[in-house]
């Protein structure tokens, strides 16, 4: 596993690289109405009155969710190296 730091707008992200996937994780805080969605190759995060967007690499499968204030974005592509 390899770990790197990035950001999604003002939210610091940690990047974790595994053999078959890349995972981004961030603390979005205790905003009650925080949500995330993946639409047309873009991750959209809404936390309170703030909205952040991050385009994803082409041809990757993405899954994003928020659990207990932690945003997780999982990227995988079984046919290519996405790192």
PDB file of N, CA and C in Angstrom:
ATOM      1  N   UNK A   1       0.846  -1.170   0.000  1.00  0.00           N
ATOM      2  CA  UNK A   1       0.000   0.000   0.000  1.00  0.00           C
ATOM      3  C   UNK A   1       0.891   1.233   0.000  1.00  0.00           C
ATOM      4  N   UNK A   2       0.507   2.212  -0.793  1.00  0.00           N
ATOM      5  CA  UNK A   2       1.207   3.483  -0.870  1.00  0.00           C
ATOM      6  C   UNK A   2       0.216   4.578  -0.513  1.00  0.00           C
ATOM      7  N   UNK A   3       0.615   5.572   0.255  1.00  0.00           N
ATOM      8  CA  UNK A   3      -0.287   6.641   0.681  1.00  0.00           C
ATOM      9  C   UNK A   3       0.264   7.987   0.237  1.00  0.00           C
ATOM     10  N   UNK A   4      -0.619   8.832  -0.300  1.00  0.00           N
ATOM     11  CA  UNK A   4      -0.253  10.170  -0.733  1.00  0.00           C
ATOM     12  C   UNK A   4      -1.345  11.136  -0.300  1.00  0.00           C
ATOM     13  N   UNK A   5      -1.042  12.436  -0.306  1.00  0.00           N
ATOM     14  CA  UNK A   5      -2.016  13.455   0.063  1.00  0.00           C
ATOM     15  C   UNK A   5      -2.429  14.258  -1.158  1.00  0.00           C
ATOM     16  N   UNK A   6      -3.720  14.597  -1.264  1.00  0.00           N
ATOM     17  CA  UNK A   6      -4.281  15.460  -2.297  1.00  0.00           C
ATOM     18  C   UNK A   6      -5.373  16.274  -1.626  1.00  0.00           C
ATOM     19  N   UNK A   7      -6.176  16.996  -2.435  1.00  0.00           N
ATOM     20  CA  UNK A   7      -7.308  17.710  -1.856  1.00  0.00           C
ATOM     21  C   UNK A   7      -8.471  17.725  -2.827  1.00  0.00           C
ATOM     22  N   UNK A   8      -9.649  17.850  -2.275  1.00  0.00           N
ATOM     23  CA  UNK A   8     -10.894  18.008  -3.015  1.00  0.00           C
ATOM     24  C   UNK A   8     -11.438  19.356  -2.590  1.00  0.00           C
ATOM     25  N   UNK A   9     -11.125  20.393  -3.367  1.00  0.00           N
ATOM     26  CA  UNK A   9     -11.450  21.742  -2.923  1.00  0.00           C
ATOM     27  C   UNK A   9     -10.656  22.044  -1.677  1.00  0.00           C
ATOM     28  N   UNK A  10     -11.350  22.353  -0.605  1.00  0.00           N
ATOM     29  CA  UNK A  10     -10.697  22.650   0.677  1.00  0.00           C
ATOM     30  C   UNK A  10     -10.532  21.415   1.559  1.00  0.00           C
ATOM     31  N   UNK A  11     -11.046  20.276   1.103  1.00  0.00           N
ATOM     32  CA  UNK A  11     -11.009  19.060   1.908  1.00  0.00           C
ATOM     33  C   UNK A  11      -9.733  18.273   1.588  1.00  0.00           C
ATOM     34  N   UNK A  12      -8.853  18.072   2.563  1.00  0.00           N
ATOM     35  CA  UNK A  12      -7.662  17.257   2.299  1.00  0.00           C
ATOM     36  C   UNK A  12      -8.033  15.783   2.118  1.00  0.00           C
ATOM     37  N   UNK A  13      -7.476  15.168   1.083  1.00  0.00           N
ATOM     38  CA  UNK A  13      -7.710  13.752   0.788  1.00  0.00           C
ATOM     39  C   UNK A  13      -6.439  12.963   1.014  1.00  0.00           C
ATOM     40  N   UNK A  14      -6.591  11.748   1.474  1.00  0.00           N
ATOM     41  CA  UNK A  14      -5.465  10.810   1.508  1.00  0.00           C
ATOM     42  C   UNK A  14      -5.707   9.791   0.426  1.00  0.00           C
ATOM     43  N   UNK A  15      -4.664   9.457  -0.294  1.00  0.00           N
ATOM     44  CA  UNK A  15      -4.741   8.486  -1.383  1.00  0.00           C
ATOM     45  C   UNK A  15      -4.011   7.224  -0.964  1.00  0.00           C
ATOM     46  N   UNK A  16      -4.692   6.102  -1.066  1.00  0.00           N
ATOM     47  CA  UNK A  16      -4.115   4.809  -0.734  1.00  0.00           C
ATOM     48  C   UNK A  16      -4.113   3.953  -1.991  1.00  0.00           C
ATOM     49  N   UNK A  17      -2.963   3.457  -2.391  1.00  0.00           N
ATOM     50  CA  UNK A  17      -2.838   2.628  -3.577  1.00  0.00           C
ATOM     51  C   UNK A  17      -2.691   1.166  -3.164  1.00  0.00           C
ATOM     52  N   UNK A  18      -3.535   0.339  -3.757  1.00  0.00           N
ATOM     53  CA  UNK A  18      -3.494  -1.101  -3.541  1.00  0.00           C
ATOM     54  C   UNK A  18      -3.218  -1.768  -4.889  1.00  0.00           C
ATOM     55  N   UNK A  19      -3.041  -3.071  -4.903  1.00  0.00           N
ATOM     56  CA  UNK A  19      -2.745  -3.781  -6.146  1.00  0.00           C
ATOM     57  C   UNK A  19      -3.829  -3.592  -7.201  1.00  0.00           C
ATOM     58  N   UNK A  20      -5.089  -3.608  -6.804  1.00  0.00           N
ATOM     59  CA  UNK A  20      -6.184  -3.566  -7.768  1.00  0.00           C
ATOM     60  C   UNK A  20      -7.092  -2.350  -7.640  1.00  0.00           C
ATOM     61  N   UNK A  21      -6.729  -1.370  -6.812  1.00  0.00           N
ATOM     62  CA  UNK A  21      -7.590  -0.205  -6.647  1.00  0.00           C
ATOM     63  C   UNK A  21      -6.825   0.965  -6.038  1.00  0.00           C
ATOM     64  N   UNK A  22      -7.460   2.122  -6.123  1.00  0.00           N
ATOM     65  CA  UNK A  22      -6.985   3.329  -5.459  1.00  0.00           C
ATOM     66  C   UNK A  22      -8.146   3.839  -4.622  1.00  0.00           C
ATOM     67  N   UNK A  23      -7.877   4.198  -3.373  1.00  0.00           N
ATOM     68  CA  UNK A  23      -8.910   4.682  -2.466  1.00  0.00           C
ATOM     69  C   UNK A  23      -8.515   6.057  -1.961  1.00  0.00           C
ATOM     70  N   UNK A  24      -9.460   6.995  -2.040  1.00  0.00           N
ATOM     71  CA  UNK A  24      -9.283   8.320  -1.467  1.00  0.00           C
ATOM     72  C   UNK A  24     -10.172   8.409  -0.239  1.00  0.00           C
ATOM     73  N   UNK A  25      -9.657   9.008   0.836  1.00  0.00           N
ATOM     74  CA  UNK A  25     -10.433   9.162   2.060  1.00  0.00           C
ATOM     75  C   UNK A  25     -10.241  10.570   2.606  1.00  0.00           C
ATOM     76  N   UNK A  26     -11.331  11.128   3.163  1.00  0.00           N
ATOM     77  CA  UNK A  26     -11.275  12.480   3.715  1.00  0.00           C
ATOM     78  C   UNK A  26     -12.278  12.616   4.841  1.00  0.00           C
ATOM     79  N   UNK A  27     -11.941  13.445   5.811  1.00  0.00           N
ATOM     80  CA  UNK A  27     -12.844  13.764   6.908  1.00  0.00           C
ATOM     81  C   UNK A  27     -13.658  14.981   6.492  1.00  0.00           C
ATOM     82  N   UNK A  28     -14.965  14.795   6.273  1.00  0.00           N
ATOM     83  CA  UNK A  28     -15.826  15.916   5.899  1.00  0.00           C
ATOM     84  C   UNK A  28     -16.538  16.497   7.110  1.00  0.00           C
ATOM     85  N   UNK A  29     -16.223  15.995   8.272  1.00  0.00           N
ATOM     86  CA  UNK A  29     -16.773  16.544   9.498  1.00  0.00           C
ATOM     87  C   UNK A  29     -18.145  15.975   9.825  1.00  0.00           C
ATOM     88  N   UNK A  30     -18.780  16.612  10.772  1.00  0.00           N
ATOM     89  CA  UNK A  30     -20.058  16.113  11.270  1.00  0.00           C
ATOM     90  C   UNK A  30     -21.242  16.847  10.663  1.00  0.00           C
ATOM     91  N   UNK A  31     -21.108  17.290   9.431  1.00  0.00           N
ATOM     92  CA  UNK A  31     -22.220  17.949   8.754  1.00  0.00           C
ATOM     93  C   UNK A  31     -23.327  16.923   8.548  1.00  0.00           C
ATOM     94  N   UNK A  32     -24.507  17.210   9.082  1.00  0.00           N
ATOM     95  CA  UNK A  32     -25.604  16.242   9.030  1.00  0.00           C
ATOM     96  C   UNK A  32     -26.086  15.949   7.619  1.00  0.00           C
ATOM     97  N   UNK A  33     -25.995  16.938   6.736  1.00  0.00           N
ATOM     98  CA  UNK A  33     -26.552  16.755   5.399  1.00  0.00           C
ATOM     99  C   UNK A  33     -25.476  16.555   4.331  1.00  0.00           C
ATOM    100  N   UNK A  34     -24.332  15.988   4.686  1.00  0.00           N
ATOM    101  CA  UNK A  34     -23.275  15.709   3.713  1.00  0.00           C
ATOM    102  C   UNK A  34     -23.701  14.547   2.823  1.00  0.00           C
ATOM    103  N   UNK A  35     -23.405  14.689   1.524  1.00  0.00           N
ATOM    104  CA  UNK A  35     -23.723  13.622   0.587  1.00  0.00           C
ATOM    105  C   UNK A  35     -22.685  13.585  -0.518  1.00  0.00           C
ATOM    106  N   UNK A  36     -22.619  12.457  -1.210  1.00  0.00           N
ATOM    107  CA  UNK A  36     -21.672  12.286  -2.312  1.00  0.00           C
ATOM    108  C   UNK A  36     -22.343  11.463  -3.391  1.00  0.00           C
ATOM    109  N   UNK A  37     -21.983  11.760  -4.642  1.00  0.00           N
ATOM    110  CA  UNK A  37     -22.510  11.014  -5.773  1.00  0.00           C
ATOM    111  C   UNK A  37     -21.460  11.018  -6.871  1.00  0.00           C
ATOM    112  N   UNK A  38     -21.496  10.001  -7.722  1.00  0.00           N
ATOM    113  CA  UNK A  38     -20.629   9.938  -8.897  1.00  0.00           C
ATOM    114  C   UNK A  38     -21.534  10.093 -10.111  1.00  0.00           C
ATOM    115  N   UNK A  39     -21.299  11.160 -10.897  1.00  0.00           N
ATOM    116  CA  UNK A  39     -22.131  11.452 -12.063  1.00  0.00           C
ATOM    117  C   UNK A  39     -21.229  11.729 -13.260  1.00  0.00           C
ATOM    118  N   UNK A  40     -21.378  10.944 -14.305  1.00  0.00           N
ATOM    119  CA  UNK A  40     -20.632  11.147 -15.556  1.00  0.00           C
ATOM    120  C   UNK A  40     -19.142  11.361 -15.339  1.00  0.00           C
ATOM    121  N   UNK A  41     -18.527  10.516 -14.528  1.00  0.00           N
ATOM    122  CA  UNK A  41     -17.084  10.597 -14.317  1.00  0.00           C
ATOM    123  C   UNK A  41     -16.634  11.698 -13.387  1.00  0.00           C
ATOM    124  N   UNK A  42     -17.555  12.245 -12.602  1.00  0.00           N
ATOM    125  CA  UNK A  42     -17.224  13.299 -11.644  1.00  0.00           C
ATOM    126  C   UNK A  42     -17.782  12.937 -10.278  1.00  0.00           C
ATOM    127  N   UNK A  43     -16.942  13.068  -9.244  1.00  0.00           N
ATOM    128  CA  UNK A  43     -17.417  12.904  -7.867  1.00  0.00           C
ATOM    129  C   UNK A  43     -17.905  14.265  -7.396  1.00  0.00           C
ATOM    130  N   UNK A  44     -19.136  14.305  -6.883  1.00  0.00           N
ATOM    131  CA  UNK A  44     -19.725  15.543  -6.379  1.00  0.00           C
ATOM    132  C   UNK A  44     -20.006  15.362  -4.897  1.00  0.00           C
ATOM    133  N   UNK A  45     -19.404  16.220  -4.079  1.00  0.00           N
ATOM    134  CA  UNK A  45     -19.584  16.178  -2.635  1.00  0.00           C
ATOM    135  C   UNK A  45     -20.304  17.451  -2.209  1.00  0.00           C
ATOM    136  N   UNK A  46     -21.374  17.293  -1.446  1.00  0.00           N
ATOM    137  CA  UNK A  46     -22.082  18.432  -0.882  1.00  0.00           C
ATOM    138  C   UNK A  46     -22.032  18.279   0.629  1.00  0.00           C
ATOM    139  N   UNK A  47     -21.443  19.272   1.287  1.00  0.00           N
ATOM    140  CA  UNK A  47     -21.307  19.269   2.748  1.00  0.00           C
ATOM    141  C   UNK A  47     -21.793  20.620   3.257  1.00  0.00           C
ATOM    142  N   UNK A  48     -22.984  20.629   3.840  1.00  0.00           N
ATOM    143  CA  UNK A  48     -23.564  21.893   4.280  1.00  0.00           C
ATOM    144  C   UNK A  48     -23.855  22.766   3.074  1.00  0.00           C
ATOM    145  N   UNK A  49     -23.331  23.992   3.082  1.00  0.00           N
ATOM    146  CA  UNK A  49     -23.521  24.924   1.975  1.00  0.00           C
ATOM    147  C   UNK A  49     -22.420  24.824   0.930  1.00  0.00           C
ATOM    148  N   UNK A  50     -21.458  23.935   1.110  1.00  0.00           N
ATOM    149  CA  UNK A  50     -20.319  23.815   0.198  1.00  0.00           C
ATOM    150  C   UNK A  50     -20.498  22.645  -0.761  1.00  0.00           C
ATOM    151  N   UNK A  51     -20.039  22.845  -2.006  1.00  0.00           N
ATOM    152  CA  UNK A  51     -20.047  21.777  -3.001  1.00  0.00           C
ATOM    153  C   UNK A  51     -18.659  21.665  -3.605  1.00  0.00           C
ATOM    154  N   UNK A  52     -18.178  20.432  -3.724  1.00  0.00           N
ATOM    155  CA  UNK A  52     -16.861  20.155  -4.297  1.00  0.00           C
ATOM    156  C   UNK A  52     -17.022  19.130  -5.410  1.00  0.00           C
ATOM    157  N   UNK A  53     -16.245  19.285  -6.478  1.00  0.00           N
ATOM    158  CA  UNK A  53     -16.288  18.346  -7.585  1.00  0.00           C
ATOM    159  C   UNK A  53     -14.881  17.913  -7.951  1.00  0.00           C
ATOM    160  N   UNK A  54     -14.749  16.643  -8.334  1.00  0.00           N
ATOM    161  CA  UNK A  54     -13.467  16.108  -8.768  1.00  0.00           C
ATOM    162  C   UNK A  54     -13.711  15.178  -9.941  1.00  0.00           C
ATOM    163  N   UNK A  55     -13.094  15.495 -11.082  1.00  0.00           N
ATOM    164  CA  UNK A  55     -13.197  14.611 -12.233  1.00  0.00           C
ATOM    165  C   UNK A  55     -12.334  13.379 -11.995  1.00  0.00           C
ATOM    166  N   UNK A  56     -12.798  12.266 -12.519  1.00  0.00           N
ATOM    167  CA  UNK A  56     -12.105  10.993 -12.365  1.00  0.00           C
ATOM    168  C   UNK A  56     -11.411  10.620 -13.664  1.00  0.00           C
ATOM    169  N   UNK A  57     -10.390   9.772 -13.591  1.00  0.00           N
ATOM    170  CA  UNK A  57      -9.757   9.282 -14.818  1.00  0.00           C
ATOM    171  C   UNK A  57     -10.787   8.523 -15.664  1.00  0.00           C
ATOM    172  N   UNK A  58     -10.570   8.493 -16.969  1.00  0.00           N
ATOM    173  CA  UNK A  58     -11.452   7.751 -17.865  1.00  0.00           C
ATOM    174  C   UNK A  58     -11.361   6.259 -17.582  1.00  0.00           C
ATOM    175  N   UNK A  59     -12.450   5.563 -17.867  1.00  0.00           N
ATOM    176  CA  UNK A  59     -12.507   4.099 -17.835  1.00  0.00           C
ATOM    177  C   UNK A  59     -12.206   3.485 -16.477  1.00  0.00           C
ATOM    178  N   UNK A  60     -12.633   4.138 -15.399  1.00  0.00           N
ATOM    179  CA  UNK A  60     -12.507   3.531 -14.075  1.00  0.00           C
ATOM    180  C   UNK A  60     -13.898   3.346 -13.489  1.00  0.00           C
ATOM    181  N   UNK A  61     -14.021   2.339 -12.690  1.00  0.00           N
ATOM    182  CA  UNK A  61     -15.245   2.144 -11.929  1.00  0.00           C
ATOM    183  C   UNK A  61     -15.074   2.901 -10.618  1.00  0.00           C
ATOM    184  N   UNK A  62     -16.079   3.675 -10.236  1.00  0.00           N
ATOM    185  CA  UNK A  62     -15.981   4.475  -9.014  1.00  0.00           C
ATOM    186  C   UNK A  62     -17.165   4.192  -8.104  1.00  0.00           C
ATOM    187  N   UNK A  63     -16.866   4.161  -6.825  1.00  0.00           N
ATOM    188  CA  UNK A  63     -17.884   4.016  -5.790  1.00  0.00           C
ATOM    189  C   UNK A  63     -17.538   5.028  -4.718  1.00  0.00           C
ATOM    190  N   UNK A  64     -18.509   5.824  -4.306  1.00  0.00           N
ATOM    191  CA  UNK A  64     -18.252   6.852  -3.298  1.00  0.00           C
ATOM    192  C   UNK A  64     -19.342   6.803  -2.233  1.00  0.00           C
ATOM    193  N   UNK A  65     -18.933   7.013  -0.988  1.00  0.00           N
ATOM    194  CA  UNK A  65     -19.897   7.021   0.105  1.00  0.00           C
ATOM    195  C   UNK A  65     -19.334   7.815   1.271  1.00  0.00           C
ATOM    196  N   UNK A  66     -20.225   8.231   2.158  1.00  0.00           N
ATOM    197  CA  UNK A  66     -19.845   8.918   3.398  1.00  0.00           C
ATOM    198  C   UNK A  66     -20.395   8.105   4.553  1.00  0.00           C
ATOM    199  N   UNK A  67     -19.530   7.785   5.503  1.00  0.00           N
ATOM    200  CA  UNK A  67     -19.929   7.021   6.677  1.00  0.00           C
ATOM    201  C   UNK A  67     -19.300   7.664   7.907  1.00  0.00           C
ATOM    202  N   UNK A  68     -20.121   8.133   8.827  1.00  0.00           N
ATOM    203  CA  UNK A  68     -19.662   8.768  10.065  1.00  0.00           C
ATOM    204  C   UNK A  68     -18.691   9.922   9.787  1.00  0.00           C
ATOM    205  N   UNK A  69     -19.006  10.729   8.757  1.00  0.00           N
ATOM    206  CA  UNK A  69     -18.192  11.899   8.458  1.00  0.00           C
ATOM    207  C   UNK A  69     -16.940  11.643   7.650  1.00  0.00           C
ATOM    208  N   UNK A  70     -16.734  10.395   7.202  1.00  0.00           N
ATOM    209  CA  UNK A  70     -15.561  10.060   6.401  1.00  0.00           C
ATOM    210  C   UNK A  70     -16.005   9.783   4.970  1.00  0.00           C
ATOM    211  N   UNK A  71     -15.494  10.577   4.037  1.00  0.00           N
ATOM    212  CA  UNK A  71     -15.745  10.385   2.619  1.00  0.00           C
ATOM    213  C   UNK A  71     -14.767   9.342   2.098  1.00  0.00           C
ATOM    214  N   UNK A  72     -15.274   8.353   1.370  1.00  0.00           N
ATOM    215  CA  UNK A  72     -14.437   7.340   0.753  1.00  0.00           C
ATOM    216  C   UNK A  72     -14.789   7.255  -0.724  1.00  0.00           C
ATOM    217  N   UNK A  73     -13.765   7.319  -1.568  1.00  0.00           N
ATOM    218  CA  UNK A  73     -13.930   7.166  -3.011  1.00  0.00           C
ATOM    219  C   UNK A  73     -13.035   6.016  -3.436  1.00  0.00           C
ATOM    220  N   UNK A  74     -13.641   4.963  -3.963  1.00  0.00           N
ATOM    221  CA  UNK A  74     -12.899   3.783  -4.395  1.00  0.00           C
ATOM    222  C   UNK A  74     -12.884   3.739  -5.917  1.00  0.00           C
ATOM    223  N   UNK A  75     -11.703   3.650  -6.506  1.00  0.00           N
ATOM    224  CA  UNK A  75     -11.542   3.562  -7.952  1.00  0.00           C
ATOM    225  C   UNK A  75     -10.909   2.232  -8.299  1.00  0.00           C
ATOM    226  N   UNK A  76     -11.455   1.565  -9.298  1.00  0.00           N
ATOM    227  CA  UNK A  76     -10.855   0.313  -9.729  1.00  0.00           C
ATOM    228  C   UNK A  76     -11.053   0.131 -11.225  1.00  0.00           C
ATOM    229  N   UNK A  77     -10.119  -0.523 -11.834  1.00  0.00           N
ATOM    230  CA  UNK A  77     -10.174  -0.881 -13.246  1.00  0.00           C
ATOM    231  C   UNK A  77      -9.401  -2.175 -13.401  1.00  0.00           C
ATOM    232  N   UNK A  78     -10.089  -3.270 -13.567  1.00  0.00           N
ATOM    233  CA  UNK A  78      -9.388  -4.563 -13.610  1.00  0.00           C
ATOM    234  C   UNK A  78      -8.477  -4.731 -14.810  1.00  0.00           C
ATOM    235  N   UNK A  79      -8.628  -3.918 -15.852  1.00  0.00           N
ATOM    236  CA  UNK A  79      -7.825  -4.106 -17.062  1.00  0.00           C
ATOM    237  C   UNK A  79      -6.624  -3.195 -17.149  1.00  0.00           C
ATOM    238  N   UNK A  80      -6.561  -2.123 -16.349  1.00  0.00           N
ATOM    239  CA  UNK A  80      -5.465  -1.172 -16.454  1.00  0.00           C
ATOM    240  C   UNK A  80      -4.952  -0.776 -15.076  1.00  0.00           C
ATOM    241  N   UNK A  81      -3.760  -0.261 -15.046  1.00  0.00           N
ATOM    242  CA  UNK A  81      -3.163   0.281 -13.835  1.00  0.00           C
ATOM    243  C   UNK A  81      -3.664   1.708 -13.694  1.00  0.00           C
ATOM    244  N   UNK A  82      -4.465   2.024 -12.661  1.00  0.00           N
ATOM    245  CA  UNK A  82      -5.066   3.348 -12.528  1.00  0.00           C
ATOM    246  C   UNK A  82      -4.197   4.302 -11.725  1.00  0.00           C
ATOM    247  N   UNK A  83      -3.047   3.876 -11.302  1.00  0.00           N
ATOM    248  CA  UNK A  83      -2.185   4.767 -10.533  1.00  0.00           C
ATOM    249  C   UNK A  83      -1.471   5.686 -11.469  1.00  0.00           C
TER     250      UNK A  83
END
